[in-house]
């Protein structure tokens, strides 16, 4: 199935983007999550390069949905960055990945947009369980904090992203790919501008425009990493959005579990050099727990095929 190949490729690029997000936020290359989200929203306008390949102006209601879903997507990304800035990437991404398919299924159910078999639904539950198993420290102890810092942000990110993905799927039924993709990215840009409405965020964003001479070299390297990251992330989003037009949005979101398997592997590689930024535990039982979780995820993926 082409949509499966596209989805897995999208999540591989997405995992790399997650690692670079954590590096940029954890190393304080960007002062805060809102500043980072602002630049991501502005960079969304790169989608305008697709305009010559079929872009048209939809109806007023269609344009409103495009803008609205793009704004919601940007806000979901903002919450994701808040979470990544506070916790380990290999914990945040699984929680978001666990919330996505469940929220998507619940949102789509009243619309009767998705019909899943019992086996597929069991597969989704296994993916959710596997994602949570990766996220928590075992054994759970009485009186010990059960959820990592930023957990609520990760939950919120998953819900908002699910809403935006369902909207993207519905748009794909009435608009060609280029039209809904470009206009939802313009919505992401509008979402970035909306961040300026919060005074403390506006101050940080405007401050980021000014670079001291002594920091120009670091600013240049940060810019290169950011652009490279957004190209990778943009490719991930492009492949994922195209896959959504071909397959079930619930199953595609369920396959996001593959992304945090990729994240786990990549984090292990980069934490060897940047341990202070990624702060990943590399003890035997931590790996055993995560390997079991990956096994659960693999079974879940098998069930949803």
C-alpha atoms as a PDB file:
ATOM      1  CA  UNK A   1       0.000   0.000   0.000  1.00  0.00           C
ATOM      2  CA  UNK A   2       1.444   3.341  -1.090  1.00  0.00           C
ATOM      3  CA  UNK A   3      -0.034   5.225   1.880  1.00  0.00           C
ATOM      4  CA  UNK A   4       1.830   2.960   4.317  1.00  0.00           C
ATOM      5  CA  UNK A   5       5.191   3.601   2.593  1.00  0.00           C
ATOM      6  CA  UNK A   6       4.510   7.342   2.555  1.00  0.00           C
ATOM      7  CA  UNK A   7       3.450   7.302   6.213  1.00  0.00           C
ATOM      8  CA  UNK A   8       6.504   5.392   7.466  1.00  0.00           C
ATOM      9  CA  UNK A   9       8.810   7.692   5.472  1.00  0.00           C
ATOM     10  CA  UNK A  10       7.005  10.735   6.875  1.00  0.00           C
ATOM     11  CA  UNK A  11       7.463   9.525  10.443  1.00  0.00           C
ATOM     12  CA  UNK A  12      11.167   8.824   9.896  1.00  0.00           C
ATOM     13  CA  UNK A  13      11.665  12.422   8.777  1.00  0.00           C
ATOM     14  CA  UNK A  14       9.378  13.523  11.622  1.00  0.00           C
ATOM     15  CA  UNK A  15      11.559  11.719  14.168  1.00  0.00           C
ATOM     16  CA  UNK A  16      14.655  13.494  12.857  1.00  0.00           C
ATOM     17  CA  UNK A  17      12.775  16.804  13.093  1.00  0.00           C
ATOM     18  CA  UNK A  18      11.805  16.003  16.715  1.00  0.00           C
ATOM     19  CA  UNK A  19      15.452  15.401  17.603  1.00  0.00           C
ATOM     20  CA  UNK A  20      16.497  18.688  16.019  1.00  0.00           C
ATOM     21  CA  UNK A  21      13.612  20.463  17.791  1.00  0.00           C
ATOM     22  CA  UNK A  22      14.873  19.150  21.128  1.00  0.00           C
ATOM     23  CA  UNK A  23      18.426  20.213  20.279  1.00  0.00           C
ATOM     24  CA  UNK A  24      17.401  23.752  19.339  1.00  0.00           C
ATOM     25  CA  UNK A  25      15.166  24.186  22.392  1.00  0.00           C
ATOM     26  CA  UNK A  26      17.351  22.285  24.869  1.00  0.00           C
ATOM     27  CA  UNK A  27      20.494  24.160  23.869  1.00  0.00           C
ATOM     28  CA  UNK A  28      18.626  27.484  24.191  1.00  0.00           C
ATOM     29  CA  UNK A  29      19.284  28.370  20.554  1.00  0.00           C
ATOM     30  CA  UNK A  30      15.705  29.668  20.768  1.00  0.00           C
ATOM     31  CA  UNK A  31      14.709  31.421  23.981  1.00  0.00           C
ATOM     32  CA  UNK A  32      11.268  29.832  24.291  1.00  0.00           C
ATOM     33  CA  UNK A  33       8.726  27.543  22.652  1.00  0.00           C
ATOM     34  CA  UNK A  34       6.549  30.464  21.407  1.00  0.00           C
ATOM     35  CA  UNK A  35       9.558  32.039  19.652  1.00  0.00           C
ATOM     36  CA  UNK A  36      10.351  28.724  17.998  1.00  0.00           C
ATOM     37  CA  UNK A  37       6.699  28.136  17.023  1.00  0.00           C
ATOM     38  CA  UNK A  38       6.530  31.650  15.551  1.00  0.00           C
ATOM     39  CA  UNK A  39       9.397  30.979  13.165  1.00  0.00           C
ATOM     40  CA  UNK A  40       7.938  27.580  12.287  1.00  0.00           C
ATOM     41  CA  UNK A  41       4.633  29.270  11.394  1.00  0.00           C
ATOM     42  CA  UNK A  42       6.382  31.891   9.282  1.00  0.00           C
ATOM     43  CA  UNK A  43       8.386  29.188   7.530  1.00  0.00           C
ATOM     44  CA  UNK A  44       5.071  27.479   6.622  1.00  0.00           C
ATOM     45  CA  UNK A  45       4.743  29.981   3.780  1.00  0.00           C
ATOM     46  CA  UNK A  46       7.267  27.910   1.835  1.00  0.00           C
ATOM     47  CA  UNK A  47       4.198  25.920   0.745  1.00  0.00           C
ATOM     48  CA  UNK A  48       3.354  28.797  -1.624  1.00  0.00           C
ATOM     49  CA  UNK A  49       5.962  27.348  -3.982  1.00  0.00           C
ATOM     50  CA  UNK A  50       3.346  24.693  -4.818  1.00  0.00           C
ATOM     51  CA  UNK A  51       0.898  27.385  -5.997  1.00  0.00           C
ATOM     52  CA  UNK A  52       1.618  26.936  -9.743  1.00  0.00           C
ATOM     53  CA  UNK A  53       0.676  23.247  -9.530  1.00  0.00           C
ATOM     54  CA  UNK A  54      -3.070  23.596  -9.036  1.00  0.00           C
ATOM     55  CA  UNK A  55      -3.756  26.186  -6.340  1.00  0.00           C
ATOM     56  CA  UNK A  56      -7.220  27.707  -6.447  1.00  0.00           C
ATOM     57  CA  UNK A  57      -9.259  29.880  -4.088  1.00  0.00           C
ATOM     58  CA  UNK A  58     -11.919  27.752  -2.356  1.00  0.00           C
ATOM     59  CA  UNK A  59     -15.297  28.954  -1.120  1.00  0.00           C
ATOM     60  CA  UNK A  60     -15.441  31.258   1.897  1.00  0.00           C
ATOM     61  CA  UNK A  61     -16.403  28.369   4.170  1.00  0.00           C
ATOM     62  CA  UNK A  62     -13.629  26.199   2.724  1.00  0.00           C
ATOM     63  CA  UNK A  63     -11.074  28.975   3.155  1.00  0.00           C
ATOM     64  CA  UNK A  64     -12.237  29.474   6.755  1.00  0.00           C
ATOM     65  CA  UNK A  65     -11.766  25.777   7.504  1.00  0.00           C
ATOM     66  CA  UNK A  66      -8.315  25.851   5.881  1.00  0.00           C
ATOM     67  CA  UNK A  67      -7.229  28.830   7.965  1.00  0.00           C
ATOM     68  CA  UNK A  68      -8.826  27.500  11.151  1.00  0.00           C
ATOM     69  CA  UNK A  69      -7.268  24.037  10.877  1.00  0.00           C
ATOM     70  CA  UNK A  70      -3.895  25.606  10.074  1.00  0.00           C
ATOM     71  CA  UNK A  71      -4.095  27.792  13.174  1.00  0.00           C
ATOM     72  CA  UNK A  72      -5.089  24.801  15.325  1.00  0.00           C
ATOM     73  CA  UNK A  73      -2.181  22.837  13.874  1.00  0.00           C
ATOM     74  CA  UNK A  74       0.252  25.636  14.776  1.00  0.00           C
ATOM     75  CA  UNK A  75      -1.120  25.796  18.332  1.00  0.00           C
ATOM     76  CA  UNK A  76      -0.738  22.027  18.610  1.00  0.00           C
ATOM     77  CA  UNK A  77       2.883  22.382  17.512  1.00  0.00           C
ATOM     78  CA  UNK A  78       3.344  25.116  20.126  1.00  0.00           C
ATOM     79  CA  UNK A  79       2.159  22.771  22.897  1.00  0.00           C
ATOM     80  CA  UNK A  80       4.446  20.073  21.504  1.00  0.00           C
ATOM     81  CA  UNK A  81       7.410  22.453  21.754  1.00  0.00           C
ATOM     82  CA  UNK A  82       6.459  23.369  25.315  1.00  0.00           C
ATOM     83  CA  UNK A  83       6.506  19.656  26.177  1.00  0.00           C
ATOM     84  CA  UNK A  84       9.768  18.930  24.320  1.00  0.00           C
ATOM     85  CA  UNK A  85      11.409  21.865  26.081  1.00  0.00           C
ATOM     86  CA  UNK A  86      10.488  20.420  29.471  1.00  0.00           C
ATOM     87  CA  UNK A  87      10.995  16.675  29.043  1.00  0.00           C
ATOM     88  CA  UNK A  88      12.817  13.927  27.170  1.00  0.00           C
ATOM     89  CA  UNK A  89      11.915  13.660  23.502  1.00  0.00           C
ATOM     90  CA  UNK A  90      11.525   9.885  23.800  1.00  0.00           C
ATOM     91  CA  UNK A  91       8.770  10.480  26.379  1.00  0.00           C
ATOM     92  CA  UNK A  92       6.942  13.401  24.807  1.00  0.00           C
ATOM     93  CA  UNK A  93       6.639  11.978  21.291  1.00  0.00           C
ATOM     94  CA  UNK A  94       5.113   8.655  22.470  1.00  0.00           C
ATOM     95  CA  UNK A  95       2.458  10.420  24.549  1.00  0.00           C
ATOM     96  CA  UNK A  96       1.498  12.660  21.641  1.00  0.00           C
ATOM     97  CA  UNK A  97       1.508   9.568  19.418  1.00  0.00           C
ATOM     98  CA  UNK A  98      -0.752   7.739  21.868  1.00  0.00           C
ATOM     99  CA  UNK A  99      -3.268  10.572  22.108  1.00  0.00           C
ATOM    100  CA  UNK A 100      -3.429  11.195  18.336  1.00  0.00           C
ATOM    101  CA  UNK A 101      -5.159   7.983  17.165  1.00  0.00           C
ATOM    102  CA  UNK A 102      -7.576   7.881  20.099  1.00  0.00           C
ATOM    103  CA  UNK A 103      -8.553  11.544  19.754  1.00  0.00           C
ATOM    104  CA  UNK A 104      -8.842  11.157  15.975  1.00  0.00           C
ATOM    105  CA  UNK A 105     -11.092   8.127  16.368  1.00  0.00           C
ATOM    106  CA  UNK A 106     -13.353   9.852  18.909  1.00  0.00           C
ATOM    107  CA  UNK A 107     -13.598  13.019  16.799  1.00  0.00           C
ATOM    108  CA  UNK A 108     -14.307  11.079  13.610  1.00  0.00           C
ATOM    109  CA  UNK A 109     -16.848   8.698  15.165  1.00  0.00           C
ATOM    110  CA  UNK A 110     -19.803  11.153  15.257  1.00  0.00           C
ATOM    111  CA  UNK A 111     -18.991  12.176  11.691  1.00  0.00           C
ATOM    112  CA  UNK A 112     -18.943   8.506  10.635  1.00  0.00           C
ATOM    113  CA  UNK A 113     -15.785   9.354   8.752  1.00  0.00           C
ATOM    114  CA  UNK A 114     -13.909   6.289   9.950  1.00  0.00           C
ATOM    115  CA  UNK A 115     -15.028   2.641  10.127  1.00  0.00           C
ATOM    116  CA  UNK A 116     -12.642   0.284  11.882  1.00  0.00           C
ATOM    117  CA  UNK A 117     -12.823  -3.462  12.423  1.00  0.00           C
ATOM    118  CA  UNK A 118     -12.515  -4.980  15.902  1.00  0.00           C
ATOM    119  CA  UNK A 119      -8.974  -6.124  15.098  1.00  0.00           C
ATOM    120  CA  UNK A 120      -7.959  -2.644  13.921  1.00  0.00           C
ATOM    121  CA  UNK A 121      -9.407  -1.074  17.056  1.00  0.00           C
ATOM    122  CA  UNK A 122      -7.441  -3.597  19.154  1.00  0.00           C
ATOM    123  CA  UNK A 123      -4.356  -2.565  17.197  1.00  0.00           C
ATOM    124  CA  UNK A 124      -4.939   1.079  18.097  1.00  0.00           C
ATOM    125  CA  UNK A 125      -5.290   0.162  21.781  1.00  0.00           C
ATOM    126  CA  UNK A 126      -1.996  -1.744  21.632  1.00  0.00           C
ATOM    127  CA  UNK A 127      -0.286   1.245  20.017  1.00  0.00           C
ATOM    128  CA  UNK A 128      -1.603   3.497  22.765  1.00  0.00           C
ATOM    129  CA  UNK A 129      -0.472   1.078  25.477  1.00  0.00           C
ATOM    130  CA  UNK A 130       2.951   0.714  23.871  1.00  0.00           C
ATOM    131  CA  UNK A 131       3.349   4.480  23.672  1.00  0.00           C
ATOM    132  CA  UNK A 132       2.473   4.949  27.332  1.00  0.00           C
ATOM    133  CA  UNK A 133       4.739   2.072  28.353  1.00  0.00           C
ATOM    134  CA  UNK A 134       7.678   3.880  26.752  1.00  0.00           C
ATOM    135  CA  UNK A 135       6.773   7.109  28.533  1.00  0.00           C
ATOM    136  CA  UNK A 136       6.653   6.131  32.204  1.00  0.00           C
ATOM    137  CA  UNK A 137       9.252   4.995  34.721  1.00  0.00           C
ATOM    138  CA  UNK A 138       8.576   1.522  36.105  1.00  0.00           C
ATOM    139  CA  UNK A 139       7.806   0.386  38.695  1.00  0.00           C
ATOM    140  CA  UNK A 140       5.206   3.037  39.556  1.00  0.00           C
ATOM    141  CA  UNK A 141       5.573   3.920  43.216  1.00  0.00           C
ATOM    142  CA  UNK A 142       3.021   5.366  45.638  1.00  0.00           C
ATOM    143  CA  UNK A 143       3.683   9.056  46.257  1.00  0.00           C
ATOM    144  CA  UNK A 144       6.053   9.288  43.334  1.00  0.00           C
ATOM    145  CA  UNK A 145       5.233  11.684  40.503  1.00  0.00           C
ATOM    146  CA  UNK A 146       3.647   9.552  37.796  1.00  0.00           C
ATOM    147  CA  UNK A 147       3.750  11.991  34.911  1.00  0.00           C
ATOM    148  CA  UNK A 148       6.777  13.783  33.555  1.00  0.00           C
ATOM    149  CA  UNK A 149       7.032  17.555  33.388  1.00  0.00           C
ATOM    150  CA  UNK A 150       5.195  18.747  30.313  1.00  0.00           C
ATOM    151  CA  UNK A 151       2.818  15.764  30.218  1.00  0.00           C
ATOM    152  CA  UNK A 152      -0.296  17.986  30.053  1.00  0.00           C
ATOM    153  CA  UNK A 153       1.253  19.923  27.142  1.00  0.00           C
ATOM    154  CA  UNK A 154       1.823  16.627  25.312  1.00  0.00           C
ATOM    155  CA  UNK A 155      -1.817  15.612  25.852  1.00  0.00           C
ATOM    156  CA  UNK A 156      -3.038  18.982  24.583  1.00  0.00           C
ATOM    157  CA  UNK A 157      -0.738  18.771  21.562  1.00  0.00           C
ATOM    158  CA  UNK A 158      -2.116  15.364  20.628  1.00  0.00           C
ATOM    159  CA  UNK A 159      -5.724  16.583  20.824  1.00  0.00           C
ATOM    160  CA  UNK A 160      -5.135  19.749  18.776  1.00  0.00           C
ATOM    161  CA  UNK A 161      -3.128  17.891  16.136  1.00  0.00           C
ATOM    162  CA  UNK A 162      -5.863  15.262  15.892  1.00  0.00           C
ATOM    163  CA  UNK A 163      -8.471  17.985  15.281  1.00  0.00           C
ATOM    164  CA  UNK A 164      -6.328  19.520  12.550  1.00  0.00           C
ATOM    165  CA  UNK A 165      -5.682  16.142  10.863  1.00  0.00           C
ATOM    166  CA  UNK A 166      -9.397  15.313  10.782  1.00  0.00           C
ATOM    167  CA  UNK A 167     -10.033  18.727   9.208  1.00  0.00           C
ATOM    168  CA  UNK A 168      -7.269  18.076   6.660  1.00  0.00           C
ATOM    169  CA  UNK A 169      -8.890  14.751   5.745  1.00  0.00           C
ATOM    170  CA  UNK A 170     -12.291  16.387   5.249  1.00  0.00           C
ATOM    171  CA  UNK A 171     -10.745  19.138   3.136  1.00  0.00           C
ATOM    172  CA  UNK A 172      -9.056  16.562   0.923  1.00  0.00           C
ATOM    173  CA  UNK A 173     -12.499  15.235  -0.029  1.00  0.00           C
ATOM    174  CA  UNK A 174     -13.556  18.551  -1.562  1.00  0.00           C
ATOM    175  CA  UNK A 175     -10.301  20.238  -2.618  1.00  0.00           C
ATOM    176  CA  UNK A 176      -7.254  19.113  -4.567  1.00  0.00           C
ATOM    177  CA  UNK A 177      -4.100  18.430  -2.564  1.00  0.00           C
ATOM    178  CA  UNK A 178      -2.229  21.616  -3.504  1.00  0.00           C
ATOM    179  CA  UNK A 179      -5.201  23.846  -2.656  1.00  0.00           C
ATOM    180  CA  UNK A 180      -5.904  22.571   0.848  1.00  0.00           C
ATOM    181  CA  UNK A 181      -2.228  22.032   1.678  1.00  0.00           C
ATOM    182  CA  UNK A 182      -1.176  25.569   0.730  1.00  0.00           C
ATOM    183  CA  UNK A 183      -4.124  27.324   2.380  1.00  0.00           C
ATOM    184  CA  UNK A 184      -3.773  25.370   5.647  1.00  0.00           C
ATOM    185  CA  UNK A 185      -0.095  26.406   5.713  1.00  0.00           C
ATOM    186  CA  UNK A 186      -1.165  30.017   5.276  1.00  0.00           C
ATOM    187  CA  UNK A 187      -3.395  29.328   8.276  1.00  0.00           C
ATOM    188  CA  UNK A 188      -0.280  28.213  10.147  1.00  0.00           C
ATOM    189  CA  UNK A 189       1.299  31.570   9.304  1.00  0.00           C
ATOM    190  CA  UNK A 190      -1.782  33.339  10.707  1.00  0.00           C
ATOM    191  CA  UNK A 191      -1.402  31.185  13.810  1.00  0.00           C
ATOM    192  CA  UNK A 192       2.188  32.418  14.146  1.00  0.00           C
ATOM    193  CA  UNK A 193       0.986  36.030  13.949  1.00  0.00           C
ATOM    194  CA  UNK A 194      -1.616  35.289  16.646  1.00  0.00           C
ATOM    195  CA  UNK A 195       1.218  34.489  19.076  1.00  0.00           C
ATOM    196  CA  UNK A 196       2.096  38.189  18.984  1.00  0.00           C
ATOM    197  CA  UNK A 197      -1.160  38.879  20.833  1.00  0.00           C
ATOM    198  CA  UNK A 198       0.360  37.542  24.078  1.00  0.00           C
ATOM    199  CA  UNK A 199       2.553  40.373  25.488  1.00  0.00           C
ATOM    200  CA  UNK A 200       5.325  38.233  26.978  1.00  0.00           C
ATOM    201  CA  UNK A 201       5.536  36.121  23.832  1.00  0.00           C
ATOM    202  CA  UNK A 202       5.521  39.214  21.625  1.00  0.00           C
ATOM    203  CA  UNK A 203       8.402  40.670  23.616  1.00  0.00           C
ATOM    204  CA  UNK A 204      10.476  37.487  23.240  1.00  0.00           C
ATOM    205  CA  UNK A 205       9.675  37.192  19.520  1.00  0.00           C
ATOM    206  CA  UNK A 206      10.580  40.802  18.764  1.00  0.00           C
ATOM    207  CA  UNK A 207      13.724  40.459  20.857  1.00  0.00           C
ATOM    208  CA  UNK A 208      14.785  37.479  18.742  1.00  0.00           C
ATOM    209  CA  UNK A 209      15.018  39.741  15.700  1.00  0.00           C
ATOM    210  CA  UNK A 210      18.060  41.457  17.196  1.00  0.00           C
ATOM    211  CA  UNK A 211      21.346  39.564  17.200  1.00  0.00           C
ATOM    212  CA  UNK A 212      24.452  40.829  19.007  1.00  0.00           C
ATOM    213  CA  UNK A 213      27.631  40.900  16.939  1.00  0.00           C
ATOM    214  CA  UNK A 214      29.358  38.394  19.211  1.00  0.00           C
ATOM    215  CA  UNK A 215      26.502  35.934  18.651  1.00  0.00           C
ATOM    216  CA  UNK A 216      26.355  36.241  14.862  1.00  0.00           C
ATOM    217  CA  UNK A 217      28.308  33.032  14.275  1.00  0.00           C
ATOM    218  CA  UNK A 218      26.003  31.036  16.539  1.00  0.00           C
ATOM    219  CA  UNK A 219      22.961  32.739  15.023  1.00  0.00           C
ATOM    220  CA  UNK A 220      24.139  31.694  11.556  1.00  0.00           C
ATOM    221  CA  UNK A 221      24.631  28.069  12.602  1.00  0.00           C
ATOM    222  CA  UNK A 222      21.268  28.119  14.385  1.00  0.00           C
ATOM    223  CA  UNK A 223      19.638  29.446  11.225  1.00  0.00           C
ATOM    224  CA  UNK A 224      21.201  26.698   9.118  1.00  0.00           C
ATOM    225  CA  UNK A 225      20.064  23.988  11.563  1.00  0.00           C
ATOM    226  CA  UNK A 226      16.587  25.523  11.778  1.00  0.00           C
ATOM    227  CA  UNK A 227      16.143  25.740   8.004  1.00  0.00           C
ATOM    228  CA  UNK A 228      17.450  22.198   7.570  1.00  0.00           C
ATOM    229  CA  UNK A 229      15.115  21.016  10.305  1.00  0.00           C
ATOM    230  CA  UNK A 230      12.113  22.716   8.740  1.00  0.00           C
ATOM    231  CA  UNK A 231      12.945  21.268   5.328  1.00  0.00           C
ATOM    232  CA  UNK A 232      12.999  17.813   6.901  1.00  0.00           C
ATOM    233  CA  UNK A 233       9.849  18.589   8.888  1.00  0.00           C
ATOM    234  CA  UNK A 234       8.173  20.044   5.803  1.00  0.00           C
ATOM    235  CA  UNK A 235       8.965  16.909   3.825  1.00  0.00           C
ATOM    236  CA  UNK A 236       7.511  14.847   6.660  1.00  0.00           C
ATOM    237  CA  UNK A 237       4.329  16.937   6.687  1.00  0.00           C
ATOM    238  CA  UNK A 238       4.054  16.815   2.899  1.00  0.00           C
ATOM    239  CA  UNK A 239       4.325  13.021   2.799  1.00  0.00           C
ATOM    240  CA  UNK A 240       1.954  12.651   5.750  1.00  0.00           C
ATOM    241  CA  UNK A 241      -0.668  14.978   4.304  1.00  0.00           C
ATOM    242  CA  UNK A 242      -0.532  13.189   0.960  1.00  0.00           C
ATOM    243  CA  UNK A 243      -0.872   9.839   2.734  1.00  0.00           C
ATOM    244  CA  UNK A 244      -3.979  11.209   4.481  1.00  0.00           C
ATOM    245  CA  UNK A 245      -5.596  11.742   1.076  1.00  0.00           C
ATOM    246  CA  UNK A 246      -4.980   8.070   0.206  1.00  0.00           C
ATOM    247  CA  UNK A 247      -5.729   6.203   3.430  1.00  0.00           C
ATOM    248  CA  UNK A 248      -7.550   6.230   6.759  1.00  0.00           C
ATOM    249  CA  UNK A 249      -6.584   9.209   8.919  1.00  0.00           C
ATOM    250  CA  UNK A 250      -7.123   7.138  12.092  1.00  0.00           C
ATOM    251  CA  UNK A 251      -4.798   4.365  10.920  1.00  0.00           C
ATOM    252  CA  UNK A 252      -2.223   6.867   9.669  1.00  0.00           C
ATOM    253  CA  UNK A 253      -2.216   8.617  13.042  1.00  0.00           C
ATOM    254  CA  UNK A 254      -1.987   5.250  14.781  1.00  0.00           C
ATOM    255  CA  UNK A 255       1.171   4.492  12.821  1.00  0.00           C
ATOM    256  CA  UNK A 256       2.787   7.511  14.486  1.00  0.00           C
ATOM    257  CA  UNK A 257       4.021   4.938  16.996  1.00  0.00           C
ATOM    258  CA  UNK A 258       6.710   4.115  14.444  1.00  0.00           C
ATOM    259  CA  UNK A 259       7.977   7.664  14.813  1.00  0.00           C
ATOM    260  CA  UNK A 260       8.840   7.268  18.474  1.00  0.00           C
ATOM    261  CA  UNK A 261      10.647   4.039  17.729  1.00  0.00           C
ATOM    262  CA  UNK A 262      12.765   6.093  15.346  1.00  0.00           C
ATOM    263  CA  UNK A 263      13.071   8.816  18.009  1.00  0.00           C
ATOM    264  CA  UNK A 264      14.285   6.269  20.566  1.00  0.00           C
ATOM    265  CA  UNK A 265      17.040   5.069  18.225  1.00  0.00           C
ATOM    266  CA  UNK A 266      18.107   8.567  17.176  1.00  0.00           C
ATOM    267  CA  UNK A 267      18.088   9.860  20.755  1.00  0.00           C
ATOM    268  CA  UNK A 268      20.356   7.026  21.819  1.00  0.00           C
ATOM    269  CA  UNK A 269      22.807   7.972  19.067  1.00  0.00           C
ATOM    270  CA  UNK A 270      22.919  11.728  19.714  1.00  0.00           C
ATOM    271  CA  UNK A 271      22.792  11.481  23.524  1.00  0.00           C
ATOM    272  CA  UNK A 272      26.286   9.992  23.432  1.00  0.00           C
ATOM    273  CA  UNK A 273      27.582  13.463  22.513  1.00  0.00           C
ATOM    274  CA  UNK A 274      24.845  15.799  23.808  1.00  0.00           C
ATOM    275  CA  UNK A 275      23.838  14.077  27.029  1.00  0.00           C
ATOM    276  CA  UNK A 276      23.108  17.337  28.887  1.00  0.00           C
ATOM    277  CA  UNK A 277      20.555  18.323  26.260  1.00  0.00           C
ATOM    278  CA  UNK A 278      18.780  15.002  25.790  1.00  0.00           C
ATOM    279  CA  UNK A 279      19.175  13.598  29.328  1.00  0.00           C
ATOM    280  CA  UNK A 280      18.137  10.119  28.284  1.00  0.00           C
ATOM    281  CA  UNK A 281      18.399   7.158  30.679  1.00  0.00           C
ATOM    282  CA  UNK A 282      20.464   4.355  29.225  1.00  0.00           C
ATOM    283  CA  UNK A 283      20.186   1.774  32.028  1.00  0.00           C
ATOM    284  CA  UNK A 284      19.421  -1.868  31.263  1.00  0.00           C
ATOM    285  CA  UNK A 285      15.871  -1.880  32.655  1.00  0.00           C
ATOM    286  CA  UNK A 286      15.004   1.347  30.857  1.00  0.00           C
ATOM    287  CA  UNK A 287      15.992  -0.259  27.589  1.00  0.00           C
ATOM    288  CA  UNK A 288      14.181  -3.498  28.486  1.00  0.00           C
ATOM    289  CA  UNK A 289      10.985  -1.539  29.183  1.00  0.00           C
ATOM    290  CA  UNK A 290      11.248   0.337  25.905  1.00  0.00           C
ATOM    291  CA  UNK A 291      12.053  -2.797  23.894  1.00  0.00           C
ATOM    292  CA  UNK A 292       8.938  -4.503  25.291  1.00  0.00           C
ATOM    293  CA  UNK A 293       6.950  -1.386  24.386  1.00  0.00           C
ATOM    294  CA  UNK A 294       8.331  -1.508  20.851  1.00  0.00           C
ATOM    295  CA  UNK A 295       7.202  -5.138  20.651  1.00  0.00           C
ATOM    296  CA  UNK A 296       3.685  -4.102  21.678  1.00  0.00           C
ATOM    297  CA  UNK A 297       3.791  -1.350  19.055  1.00  0.00           C
ATOM    298  CA  UNK A 298       4.879  -3.838  16.389  1.00  0.00           C
ATOM    299  CA  UNK A 299       1.907  -6.100  17.169  1.00  0.00           C
ATOM    300  CA  UNK A 300      -0.398  -3.092  17.053  1.00  0.00           C
ATOM    301  CA  UNK A 301       0.945  -2.109  13.635  1.00  0.00           C
ATOM    302  CA  UNK A 302       0.403  -5.677  12.394  1.00  0.00           C
ATOM    303  CA  UNK A 303      -3.241  -5.572  13.533  1.00  0.00           C
ATOM    304  CA  UNK A 304      -4.085  -2.311  11.783  1.00  0.00           C
ATOM    305  CA  UNK A 305      -2.758  -3.327   8.351  1.00  0.00           C
END
